[in-house]
Amino acid sequence: MKSPVVKRSIVVAGHKTSVSLEEAFWSGMKEISGARGMTLSELVGEIDNNRQQGNLSSAIRLFVLDHFRSRAVQMQPMPLANANAMTAAHPALPDGEARVRQSA
């Protein structure tokens, strides 16, 4: 399934520029900016100021990818090997409590 590219005008640092992104990336940007309590233009300005290379559209795609990738990693449960290590590090805790602590 192909996502069409949508071109939008954005004001970045007082200058109007156009950015072409797939709709999924625009949706991701809106979600991120809303969660941060900032406008889309402010978020794009932040990305623009921090980018190392490439064009703005590419920098935005990488930013959105990194944001959601980081969020997915944070949501993954701890592997059982780590839970067992926690139990070994805290022998006073019953095995079940170590597993409860990992999900907190």
Protein backbone atom coordinates (compact mmCIF):
# COMPACT_ATOMS: atom_id res chain seq x y z
CA MET A 1 0.00 0.00 0.00
CA LYS A 2 1.55 3.27 -1.11
CA SER A 3 1.16 6.37 1.02
CA PRO A 4 0.88 9.53 -1.07
CA VAL A 5 3.27 12.35 -0.39
CA VAL A 6 1.64 15.48 0.98
CA LYS A 7 3.32 18.86 0.55
CA ARG A 8 2.64 21.46 3.26
CA SER A 9 3.91 24.95 3.94
CA ILE A 10 5.45 25.51 7.36
CA VAL A 11 6.96 28.60 8.95
CA VAL A 12 10.37 27.72 10.41
CA ALA A 13 12.34 30.41 12.22
CA GLY A 14 10.21 33.10 10.57
CA HIS A 15 10.68 31.73 7.06
CA LYS A 16 8.03 29.91 5.05
CA THR A 17 9.19 26.62 3.57
CA SER A 18 7.44 23.65 2.05
CA VAL A 19 7.92 20.11 3.30
CA SER A 20 6.87 16.95 1.47
CA LEU A 21 6.09 13.93 3.66
CA GLU A 22 3.88 10.88 3.55
CA GLU A 23 0.65 11.30 5.53
CA ALA A 24 1.84 8.80 8.16
CA PHE A 25 4.78 11.07 8.98
CA TRP A 26 2.54 14.15 9.20
CA SER A 27 0.30 12.24 11.61
CA GLY A 28 3.31 11.19 13.66
CA MET A 29 4.55 14.79 13.78
CA LYS A 30 1.14 16.02 14.97
CA GLU A 31 1.09 13.37 17.70
CA ILE A 32 4.62 14.21 18.87
CA SER A 33 4.06 17.99 18.83
CA GLY A 34 0.78 17.60 20.72
CA ALA A 35 2.42 15.40 23.36
CA ARG A 36 5.17 18.00 23.79
CA GLY A 37 2.73 20.89 23.93
CA MET A 38 4.24 22.66 20.95
CA THR A 39 3.10 23.65 17.50
CA LEU A 40 4.05 21.70 14.41
CA SER A 41 6.17 24.67 13.27
CA GLU A 42 8.04 24.72 16.59
CA LEU A 43 8.78 21.01 16.33
CA VAL A 44 9.95 21.31 12.73
CA GLY A 45 12.16 24.24 13.78
CA GLU A 46 13.70 22.11 16.53
CA ILE A 47 14.37 19.28 14.07
CA ASP A 48 15.82 21.74 11.56
CA ASN A 49 18.18 23.23 14.17
CA ASN A 50 19.40 19.81 15.30
CA ARG A 51 19.84 18.07 11.96
CA GLN A 52 23.35 17.12 10.98
CA GLN A 53 22.91 16.63 7.25
CA GLY A 54 20.40 15.95 4.50
CA ASN A 55 17.26 17.77 3.61
CA LEU A 56 14.53 18.76 6.05
CA SER A 57 12.05 16.12 4.90
CA SER A 58 14.61 13.36 5.49
CA ALA A 59 15.50 14.79 8.90
CA ILE A 60 11.81 14.79 9.87
CA ARG A 61 11.34 11.19 8.74
CA LEU A 62 14.38 10.10 10.77
CA PHE A 63 13.15 12.05 13.80
CA VAL A 64 9.70 10.44 13.68
CA LEU A 65 11.20 6.98 13.16
CA ASP A 66 13.57 7.45 16.09
CA HIS A 67 10.78 8.77 18.33
CA PHE A 68 8.46 5.83 17.78
CA ARG A 69 11.31 3.29 17.78
CA SER A 70 12.46 4.59 21.18
CA ARG A 71 8.91 4.45 22.48
CA ALA A 72 8.51 0.85 21.29
CA VAL A 73 11.75 -0.21 22.98
CA GLN A 74 10.61 1.36 26.26
CA MET A 75 7.35 -0.59 26.11
CA GLN A 76 8.95 -4.02 25.61
CA PRO A 77 8.95 -6.27 28.67
CA MET A 78 12.21 -7.21 30.31
CA PRO A 79 13.59 -10.56 29.06
CA LEU A 80 13.26 -13.46 31.51
CA ALA A 81 17.06 -13.64 31.87
CA ASN A 82 17.03 -10.11 33.34
CA ALA A 83 14.19 -11.02 35.70
CA ASN A 84 16.20 -14.01 36.91
CA ALA A 85 19.21 -11.74 37.43
CA MET A 86 17.06 -9.42 39.52
CA THR A 87 15.99 -12.34 41.70
CA ALA A 88 19.61 -13.41 42.12
CA ALA A 89 20.65 -9.85 42.99
CA HIS A 90 17.87 -9.65 45.60
CA PRO A 91 17.66 -13.14 47.10
CA ALA A 92 15.25 -11.93 49.80
CA LEU A 93 12.61 -11.27 47.16
CA PRO A 94 10.43 -14.17 46.09
CA ASP A 95 10.60 -14.95 42.38
CA GLY A 96 7.10 -13.58 41.75
CA GLU A 97 7.94 -10.17 43.25
CA ALA A 98 10.93 -9.78 40.94
CA ARG A 99 8.67 -10.26 37.94
CA VAL A 100 6.15 -7.73 39.28
CA ARG A 101 8.93 -5.18 39.78
CA GLN A 102 10.16 -5.57 36.19
CA SER A 103 6.84 -4.43 34.72
CA ALA A 104 6.57 -1.36 36.92
